[in-house]
């Protein structure tokens, strides 16, 4: 069976418009997220690190570096600052004492939960002009897009 090009499946202009809208939406989400973060003592990269630890659990510096697309040395500096702020702690792996994992502390978890709640509140305000069906459809389509992009 012959594979069709994107242009054959979807008109180029539609794909271009979707890409542009997603890029603009991403920028607006990032901008609003930084406004929210300005109320806290953490930087955007620290927020990303805390978010990964919150969602995925304890991980090594190498694993976190890969998730954040940062050099291990950069991530180490980031973790050092977060450890001094009592947001995370380094813990030895129970099964292999040579492995050190980064563990999210209560204060880090509290900040993440607060920031995410505020971000969700802002999104809810934006979606207030949408019908329930539109919100449900948007959620389904975004979920499918995310799944396809993984």
N, C-alpha and C. Protein backbone atom coordinates (compact mmCIF):
# COMPACT_ATOMS: atom_id res chain seq x y z
N UNK A 1 0.84 -1.19 0.00
CA UNK A 1 0.00 0.00 0.00
C UNK A 1 0.89 1.25 0.00
N UNK A 2 0.56 2.20 -0.82
CA UNK A 2 1.35 3.41 -0.97
C UNK A 2 1.03 4.40 0.14
N UNK A 3 2.08 4.98 0.72
CA UNK A 3 1.91 5.99 1.76
C UNK A 3 1.67 7.33 1.10
N UNK A 4 0.67 8.05 1.61
CA UNK A 4 0.36 9.36 1.05
C UNK A 4 1.13 10.44 1.80
N UNK A 5 1.47 11.50 1.09
CA UNK A 5 2.16 12.62 1.72
C UNK A 5 1.15 13.44 2.53
N UNK A 6 1.68 14.30 3.38
CA UNK A 6 0.82 15.17 4.19
C UNK A 6 -0.08 16.01 3.30
N UNK A 7 0.49 16.51 2.21
CA UNK A 7 -0.28 17.37 1.32
C UNK A 7 -1.47 16.62 0.71
N UNK A 8 -1.31 15.32 0.49
CA UNK A 8 -2.41 14.54 -0.07
C UNK A 8 -3.48 14.27 0.99
N UNK A 9 -3.05 14.12 2.25
CA UNK A 9 -3.99 13.83 3.32
C UNK A 9 -4.72 15.10 3.79
N UNK A 10 -3.95 16.17 3.94
CA UNK A 10 -4.50 17.43 4.45
C UNK A 10 -3.88 18.58 3.66
N UNK A 11 -4.69 19.53 3.25
CA UNK A 11 -4.14 20.66 2.49
C UNK A 11 -3.02 21.37 3.27
N UNK A 12 -1.99 21.76 2.55
CA UNK A 12 -0.81 22.39 3.14
C UNK A 12 -1.20 23.59 4.00
N UNK A 13 -2.15 24.40 3.55
CA UNK A 13 -2.54 25.60 4.29
C UNK A 13 -3.14 25.25 5.64
N UNK A 14 -3.92 24.17 5.71
CA UNK A 14 -4.54 23.75 6.96
C UNK A 14 -3.46 23.30 7.94
N UNK A 15 -2.52 22.50 7.48
CA UNK A 15 -1.43 22.04 8.32
C UNK A 15 -0.61 23.23 8.80
N UNK A 16 -0.35 24.18 7.93
CA UNK A 16 0.42 25.38 8.29
C UNK A 16 -0.32 26.18 9.36
N UNK A 17 -1.62 26.32 9.19
CA UNK A 17 -2.43 27.06 10.17
C UNK A 17 -2.43 26.35 11.53
N UNK A 18 -2.54 25.04 11.54
CA UNK A 18 -2.52 24.27 12.79
C UNK A 18 -1.17 24.45 13.49
N UNK A 19 -0.09 24.32 12.72
CA UNK A 19 1.25 24.48 13.30
C UNK A 19 1.41 25.87 13.90
N UNK A 20 0.96 26.88 13.18
CA UNK A 20 1.08 28.27 13.64
C UNK A 20 0.26 28.49 14.91
N UNK A 21 -0.99 28.01 14.91
CA UNK A 21 -1.84 28.16 16.09
C UNK A 21 -1.22 27.46 17.31
N UNK A 22 -0.70 26.25 17.11
CA UNK A 22 -0.08 25.52 18.22
C UNK A 22 1.15 26.27 18.75
N UNK A 23 1.92 26.84 17.84
CA UNK A 23 3.11 27.60 18.24
C UNK A 23 2.71 28.83 19.04
N UNK A 24 1.69 29.55 18.59
CA UNK A 24 1.23 30.75 19.30
C UNK A 24 0.63 30.38 20.66
N UNK A 25 -0.17 29.32 20.68
CA UNK A 25 -0.77 28.86 21.94
C UNK A 25 0.32 28.47 22.93
N UNK A 26 1.32 27.74 22.44
CA UNK A 26 2.43 27.34 23.29
C UNK A 26 3.14 28.56 23.88
N UNK A 27 3.36 29.56 23.06
CA UNK A 27 4.01 30.79 23.53
C UNK A 27 3.18 31.51 24.58
N UNK A 28 1.87 31.57 24.37
CA UNK A 28 0.98 32.23 25.33
C UNK A 28 0.94 31.47 26.65
N UNK A 29 0.92 30.14 26.58
CA UNK A 29 0.92 29.32 27.79
C UNK A 29 2.22 29.54 28.56
N UNK A 30 3.33 29.57 27.83
CA UNK A 30 4.64 29.79 28.47
C UNK A 30 4.69 31.17 29.12
N UNK A 31 4.19 32.18 28.41
CA UNK A 31 4.19 33.55 28.94
C UNK A 31 3.35 33.64 30.21
N UNK A 32 2.16 33.09 30.18
CA UNK A 32 1.28 33.12 31.36
C UNK A 32 1.90 32.32 32.50
N UNK A 33 2.51 31.19 32.17
CA UNK A 33 3.17 30.38 33.18
C UNK A 33 4.29 31.14 33.87
N UNK A 34 5.05 31.92 33.11
CA UNK A 34 6.13 32.72 33.69
C UNK A 34 5.58 33.82 34.58
N UNK A 35 4.43 34.39 34.19
CA UNK A 35 3.79 35.41 35.05
C UNK A 35 3.41 34.79 36.39
N UNK A 36 2.86 33.60 36.35
CA UNK A 36 2.49 32.91 37.59
C UNK A 36 3.74 32.59 38.41
N UNK A 37 4.79 32.09 37.73
CA UNK A 37 6.03 31.73 38.43
C UNK A 37 6.71 32.93 39.07
N UNK A 38 6.47 34.13 38.54
CA UNK A 38 7.11 35.32 39.11
C UNK A 38 6.67 35.57 40.55
N UNK A 39 5.59 34.93 40.97
CA UNK A 39 5.10 35.05 42.35
C UNK A 39 5.82 34.09 43.29
N UNK A 40 6.71 33.26 42.74
CA UNK A 40 7.42 32.25 43.52
C UNK A 40 8.92 32.48 43.42
N UNK A 41 9.67 31.76 44.23
CA UNK A 41 11.13 31.94 44.27
C UNK A 41 11.85 30.96 43.35
N UNK A 42 11.13 30.33 42.41
CA UNK A 42 11.77 29.37 41.50
C UNK A 42 11.83 29.94 40.09
N UNK A 43 12.79 29.44 39.34
CA UNK A 43 12.97 29.85 37.95
C UNK A 43 12.18 28.90 37.04
N UNK A 44 11.92 29.30 35.79
CA UNK A 44 11.23 28.39 34.86
C UNK A 44 11.92 27.03 34.72
N UNK A 45 13.26 26.95 34.59
CA UNK A 45 13.87 25.61 34.50
C UNK A 45 13.66 24.79 35.79
N UNK A 46 13.67 25.45 36.93
CA UNK A 46 13.40 24.73 38.18
C UNK A 46 11.97 24.20 38.19
N UNK A 47 11.04 24.99 37.67
CA UNK A 47 9.65 24.54 37.58
C UNK A 47 9.54 23.30 36.71
N UNK A 48 10.23 23.31 35.57
CA UNK A 48 10.18 22.15 34.67
C UNK A 48 10.74 20.92 35.38
N UNK A 49 11.85 21.09 36.08
CA UNK A 49 12.44 19.96 36.81
C UNK A 49 11.49 19.45 37.89
N UNK A 50 10.91 20.36 38.65
CA UNK A 50 9.96 19.96 39.69
C UNK A 50 8.76 19.25 39.09
N UNK A 51 8.30 19.74 37.96
CA UNK A 51 7.14 19.13 37.29
C UNK A 51 7.46 17.69 36.87
N UNK A 52 8.65 17.46 36.30
CA UNK A 52 9.04 16.10 35.91
C UNK A 52 9.09 15.19 37.14
N UNK A 53 9.66 15.68 38.23
CA UNK A 53 9.75 14.87 39.45
C UNK A 53 8.36 14.61 40.03
N UNK A 54 7.49 15.59 39.95
CA UNK A 54 6.12 15.46 40.45
C UNK A 54 5.36 14.40 39.65
N UNK A 55 5.52 14.43 38.32
CA UNK A 55 4.76 13.53 37.45
C UNK A 55 5.39 12.15 37.33
N UNK A 56 6.72 12.08 37.31
CA UNK A 56 7.38 10.79 37.05
C UNK A 56 8.01 10.16 38.29
N UNK A 57 8.10 10.90 39.38
CA UNK A 57 8.72 10.37 40.59
C UNK A 57 10.22 10.56 40.58
N UNK A 58 10.89 9.97 41.56
CA UNK A 58 12.33 10.12 41.72
C UNK A 58 13.07 9.67 40.46
N UNK A 59 14.13 10.39 40.13
CA UNK A 59 14.96 10.01 38.99
C UNK A 59 16.38 10.50 39.21
N UNK A 60 17.29 9.95 38.43
CA UNK A 60 18.69 10.36 38.52
C UNK A 60 18.89 11.68 37.78
N UNK A 61 20.03 12.30 38.01
CA UNK A 61 20.39 13.53 37.29
C UNK A 61 20.38 13.26 35.78
N UNK A 62 20.94 12.11 35.38
CA UNK A 62 20.99 11.76 33.95
C UNK A 62 19.60 11.64 33.35
N UNK A 63 18.70 10.97 34.06
CA UNK A 63 17.33 10.81 33.57
C UNK A 63 16.64 12.17 33.46
N UNK A 64 16.80 13.00 34.48
CA UNK A 64 16.18 14.33 34.46
C UNK A 64 16.80 15.19 33.35
N UNK A 65 18.10 15.10 33.17
CA UNK A 65 18.78 15.84 32.09
C UNK A 65 18.20 15.47 30.73
N UNK A 66 17.99 14.18 30.51
CA UNK A 66 17.41 13.72 29.24
C UNK A 66 16.00 14.26 29.05
N UNK A 67 15.20 14.25 30.09
CA UNK A 67 13.81 14.74 29.99
C UNK A 67 13.79 16.24 29.67
N UNK A 68 14.77 16.98 30.24
CA UNK A 68 14.78 18.43 30.09
C UNK A 68 15.65 18.89 28.92
N UNK A 69 16.32 17.94 28.26
CA UNK A 69 17.23 18.27 27.15
C UNK A 69 18.32 19.24 27.60
N UNK A 70 18.91 18.94 28.78
CA UNK A 70 20.00 19.75 29.33
C UNK A 70 21.22 18.87 29.54
N UNK A 71 22.39 19.51 29.58
CA UNK A 71 23.61 18.79 29.93
C UNK A 71 23.53 18.39 31.41
N UNK A 72 24.15 17.27 31.75
CA UNK A 72 24.14 16.81 33.15
C UNK A 72 24.71 17.86 34.09
N UNK A 73 25.75 18.57 33.65
CA UNK A 73 26.36 19.60 34.51
C UNK A 73 25.37 20.73 34.80
N UNK A 74 24.58 21.10 33.81
CA UNK A 74 23.56 22.14 33.98
C UNK A 74 22.49 21.67 34.95
N UNK A 75 22.06 20.43 34.79
CA UNK A 75 21.04 19.87 35.68
C UNK A 75 21.57 19.74 37.09
N UNK A 76 22.84 19.38 37.24
CA UNK A 76 23.45 19.29 38.57
C UNK A 76 23.41 20.64 39.27
N UNK A 77 23.76 21.71 38.55
CA UNK A 77 23.69 23.06 39.13
C UNK A 77 22.26 23.42 39.54
N UNK A 78 21.32 23.07 38.67
CA UNK A 78 19.90 23.32 38.94
C UNK A 78 19.47 22.60 40.22
N UNK A 79 19.85 21.33 40.34
CA UNK A 79 19.48 20.53 41.52
C UNK A 79 20.16 21.08 42.76
N UNK A 80 21.41 21.50 42.65
CA UNK A 80 22.12 22.10 43.80
C UNK A 80 21.33 23.28 44.36
N UNK A 81 20.88 24.17 43.48
CA UNK A 81 20.12 25.35 43.93
C UNK A 81 18.78 24.93 44.52
N UNK A 82 18.12 23.95 43.91
CA UNK A 82 16.83 23.49 44.43
C UNK A 82 16.98 22.77 45.77
N UNK A 83 18.10 22.10 45.94
CA UNK A 83 18.36 21.41 47.21
C UNK A 83 18.59 22.44 48.32
N UNK A 84 19.32 23.51 48.00
CA UNK A 84 19.55 24.58 48.98
C UNK A 84 18.24 25.27 49.38
N UNK A 85 17.26 25.27 48.48
CA UNK A 85 15.94 25.87 48.76
C UNK A 85 14.95 24.87 49.38
N UNK A 86 15.44 23.67 49.68
CA UNK A 86 14.63 22.60 50.29
C UNK A 86 13.44 22.19 49.42
N UNK A 87 13.66 22.20 48.09
CA UNK A 87 12.63 21.75 47.16
C UNK A 87 12.81 20.28 46.81
N UNK A 88 14.07 19.83 46.79
CA UNK A 88 14.41 18.44 46.46
C UNK A 88 15.53 17.99 47.38
N UNK A 89 15.76 16.69 47.39
CA UNK A 89 16.88 16.11 48.13
C UNK A 89 17.45 14.95 47.32
N UNK A 90 18.75 14.77 47.43
CA UNK A 90 19.39 13.62 46.80
C UNK A 90 19.30 12.44 47.76
N UNK A 91 18.89 11.28 47.25
CA UNK A 91 18.80 10.07 48.08
C UNK A 91 19.47 8.91 47.35
N UNK A 92 20.15 8.07 48.12
CA UNK A 92 20.79 6.87 47.55
C UNK A 92 19.69 5.87 47.18
N UNK A 93 19.87 5.22 46.04
CA UNK A 93 18.94 4.18 45.60
C UNK A 93 18.99 3.01 46.58
N UNK A 94 17.84 2.48 46.94
CA UNK A 94 17.76 1.37 47.90
C UNK A 94 18.45 0.12 47.38
N UNK A 95 18.39 -0.11 46.07
CA UNK A 95 18.90 -1.33 45.48
C UNK A 95 20.35 -1.22 45.01
N UNK A 96 20.80 0.00 44.74
CA UNK A 96 22.16 0.21 44.26
C UNK A 96 22.68 1.51 44.86
N UNK A 97 23.48 1.40 45.90
CA UNK A 97 23.95 2.57 46.65
C UNK A 97 24.80 3.52 45.80
N UNK A 98 25.28 3.07 44.62
CA UNK A 98 26.05 3.95 43.74
C UNK A 98 25.15 4.93 43.01
N UNK A 99 23.85 4.62 42.94
CA UNK A 99 22.90 5.46 42.20
C UNK A 99 22.26 6.46 43.16
N UNK A 100 22.26 7.72 42.74
CA UNK A 100 21.64 8.79 43.53
C UNK A 100 20.42 9.30 42.77
N UNK A 101 19.31 9.34 43.46
CA UNK A 101 18.07 9.82 42.85
C UNK A 101 17.68 11.17 43.46
N UNK A 102 16.98 11.95 42.66
CA UNK A 102 16.48 13.24 43.13
C UNK A 102 15.05 13.02 43.58
N UNK A 103 14.77 13.42 44.82
CA UNK A 103 13.44 13.22 45.42
C UNK A 103 12.79 14.58 45.68
N UNK A 104 11.56 14.72 45.27
CA UNK A 104 10.79 15.95 45.46
C UNK A 104 10.36 16.05 46.92
N UNK A 105 10.66 17.17 47.55
CA UNK A 105 10.26 17.40 48.94
C UNK A 105 8.90 18.09 49.00
N UNK A 106 8.35 18.16 50.18
CA UNK A 106 7.00 18.71 50.40
C UNK A 106 6.86 20.13 49.85
N UNK A 107 7.87 20.98 50.06
CA UNK A 107 7.81 22.36 49.59
C UNK A 107 7.79 22.41 48.05
N UNK A 108 8.58 21.58 47.40
CA UNK A 108 8.58 21.51 45.95
C UNK A 108 7.23 21.04 45.42
N UNK A 109 6.67 20.05 46.09
CA UNK A 109 5.36 19.53 45.69
C UNK A 109 4.27 20.59 45.89
N UNK A 110 4.35 21.33 46.99
CA UNK A 110 3.36 22.38 47.26
C UNK A 110 3.40 23.44 46.17
N UNK A 111 4.60 23.87 45.79
CA UNK A 111 4.73 24.90 44.75
C UNK A 111 4.18 24.39 43.43
N UNK A 112 4.54 23.19 43.04
CA UNK A 112 4.04 22.62 41.78
C UNK A 112 2.52 22.56 41.78
N UNK A 113 1.95 22.05 42.85
CA UNK A 113 0.49 21.94 42.92
C UNK A 113 -0.18 23.30 42.83
N UNK A 114 0.37 24.30 43.51
CA UNK A 114 -0.20 25.66 43.47
C UNK A 114 -0.11 26.25 42.07
N UNK A 115 1.05 26.14 41.45
CA UNK A 115 1.25 26.73 40.12
C UNK A 115 0.35 26.04 39.10
N UNK A 116 0.29 24.72 39.15
CA UNK A 116 -0.57 23.99 38.20
C UNK A 116 -2.03 24.37 38.41
N UNK A 117 -2.45 24.49 39.66
CA UNK A 117 -3.84 24.88 39.96
C UNK A 117 -4.14 26.26 39.38
N UNK A 118 -3.20 27.20 39.51
CA UNK A 118 -3.39 28.54 38.95
C UNK A 118 -3.43 28.50 37.43
N UNK A 119 -2.58 27.68 36.83
CA UNK A 119 -2.57 27.56 35.37
C UNK A 119 -3.89 26.96 34.87
N UNK A 120 -4.39 25.97 35.59
CA UNK A 120 -5.67 25.35 35.23
C UNK A 120 -6.82 26.35 35.40
N UNK A 121 -6.74 27.16 36.43
CA UNK A 121 -7.78 28.18 36.65
C UNK A 121 -7.80 29.17 35.48
N UNK A 122 -6.61 29.60 35.05
CA UNK A 122 -6.51 30.53 33.91
C UNK A 122 -7.07 29.89 32.64
N UNK A 123 -6.74 28.62 32.41
CA UNK A 123 -7.25 27.92 31.22
C UNK A 123 -8.77 27.79 31.30
N UNK A 124 -9.27 27.50 32.50
CA UNK A 124 -10.72 27.40 32.68
C UNK A 124 -11.40 28.72 32.32
N UNK A 125 -10.78 29.84 32.70
CA UNK A 125 -11.33 31.15 32.34
C UNK A 125 -11.39 31.32 30.81
N UNK A 126 -10.32 30.91 30.13
CA UNK A 126 -10.28 31.01 28.67
C UNK A 126 -11.36 30.14 28.05
N UNK A 127 -11.55 28.94 28.61
CA UNK A 127 -12.53 28.00 28.06
C UNK A 127 -13.97 28.33 28.43
N UNK A 128 -14.18 29.35 29.25
CA UNK A 128 -15.54 29.69 29.66
C UNK A 128 -16.41 30.12 28.48
N UNK A 129 -15.80 30.57 27.40
CA UNK A 129 -16.55 30.95 26.20
C UNK A 129 -16.84 29.78 25.28
N UNK A 130 -16.41 28.58 25.65
CA UNK A 130 -16.63 27.38 24.85
C UNK A 130 -17.82 26.61 25.39
N UNK A 131 -18.53 25.91 24.52
CA UNK A 131 -19.60 25.03 24.98
C UNK A 131 -18.97 23.78 25.60
N UNK A 132 -19.77 23.04 26.34
CA UNK A 132 -19.29 21.79 26.94
C UNK A 132 -18.82 20.82 25.85
N UNK A 133 -19.58 20.75 24.75
CA UNK A 133 -19.20 19.87 23.64
C UNK A 133 -17.87 20.30 23.01
N UNK A 134 -17.66 21.61 22.87
CA UNK A 134 -16.41 22.10 22.30
C UNK A 134 -15.22 21.74 23.20
N UNK A 135 -15.40 21.89 24.51
CA UNK A 135 -14.32 21.55 25.44
C UNK A 135 -14.03 20.06 25.39
N UNK A 136 -15.06 19.24 25.35
CA UNK A 136 -14.89 17.78 25.26
C UNK A 136 -14.19 17.40 23.97
N UNK A 137 -14.61 17.99 22.86
CA UNK A 137 -13.98 17.71 21.56
C UNK A 137 -12.53 18.15 21.55
N UNK A 138 -12.26 19.34 22.09
CA UNK A 138 -10.89 19.85 22.15
C UNK A 138 -10.01 18.91 22.96
N UNK A 139 -10.52 18.46 24.09
CA UNK A 139 -9.75 17.54 24.95
C UNK A 139 -9.43 16.25 24.20
N UNK A 140 -10.40 15.72 23.49
CA UNK A 140 -10.19 14.47 22.74
C UNK A 140 -9.16 14.64 21.63
N UNK A 141 -9.28 15.73 20.88
CA UNK A 141 -8.38 15.98 19.76
C UNK A 141 -6.95 16.24 20.26
N UNK A 142 -6.81 17.03 21.32
CA UNK A 142 -5.48 17.30 21.86
C UNK A 142 -4.85 16.03 22.42
N UNK A 143 -5.65 15.20 23.05
CA UNK A 143 -5.15 13.92 23.57
C UNK A 143 -4.67 13.04 22.44
N UNK A 144 -5.43 13.00 21.36
CA UNK A 144 -5.05 12.18 20.20
C UNK A 144 -3.76 12.73 19.56
N UNK A 145 -3.69 14.06 19.41
CA UNK A 145 -2.50 14.70 18.84
C UNK A 145 -1.28 14.39 19.70
N UNK A 146 -1.42 14.51 20.99
CA UNK A 146 -0.32 14.23 21.91
C UNK A 146 0.13 12.77 21.76
N UNK A 147 -0.81 11.86 21.70
CA UNK A 147 -0.49 10.45 21.53
C UNK A 147 0.24 10.17 20.23
N UNK A 148 -0.18 10.82 19.16
CA UNK A 148 0.47 10.62 17.86
C UNK A 148 1.87 11.21 17.83
N UNK A 149 2.08 12.28 18.59
CA UNK A 149 3.38 12.94 18.58
C UNK A 149 4.42 12.23 19.45
N UNK A 150 3.98 11.40 20.37
CA UNK A 150 4.92 10.72 21.28
C UNK A 150 5.80 9.78 20.54
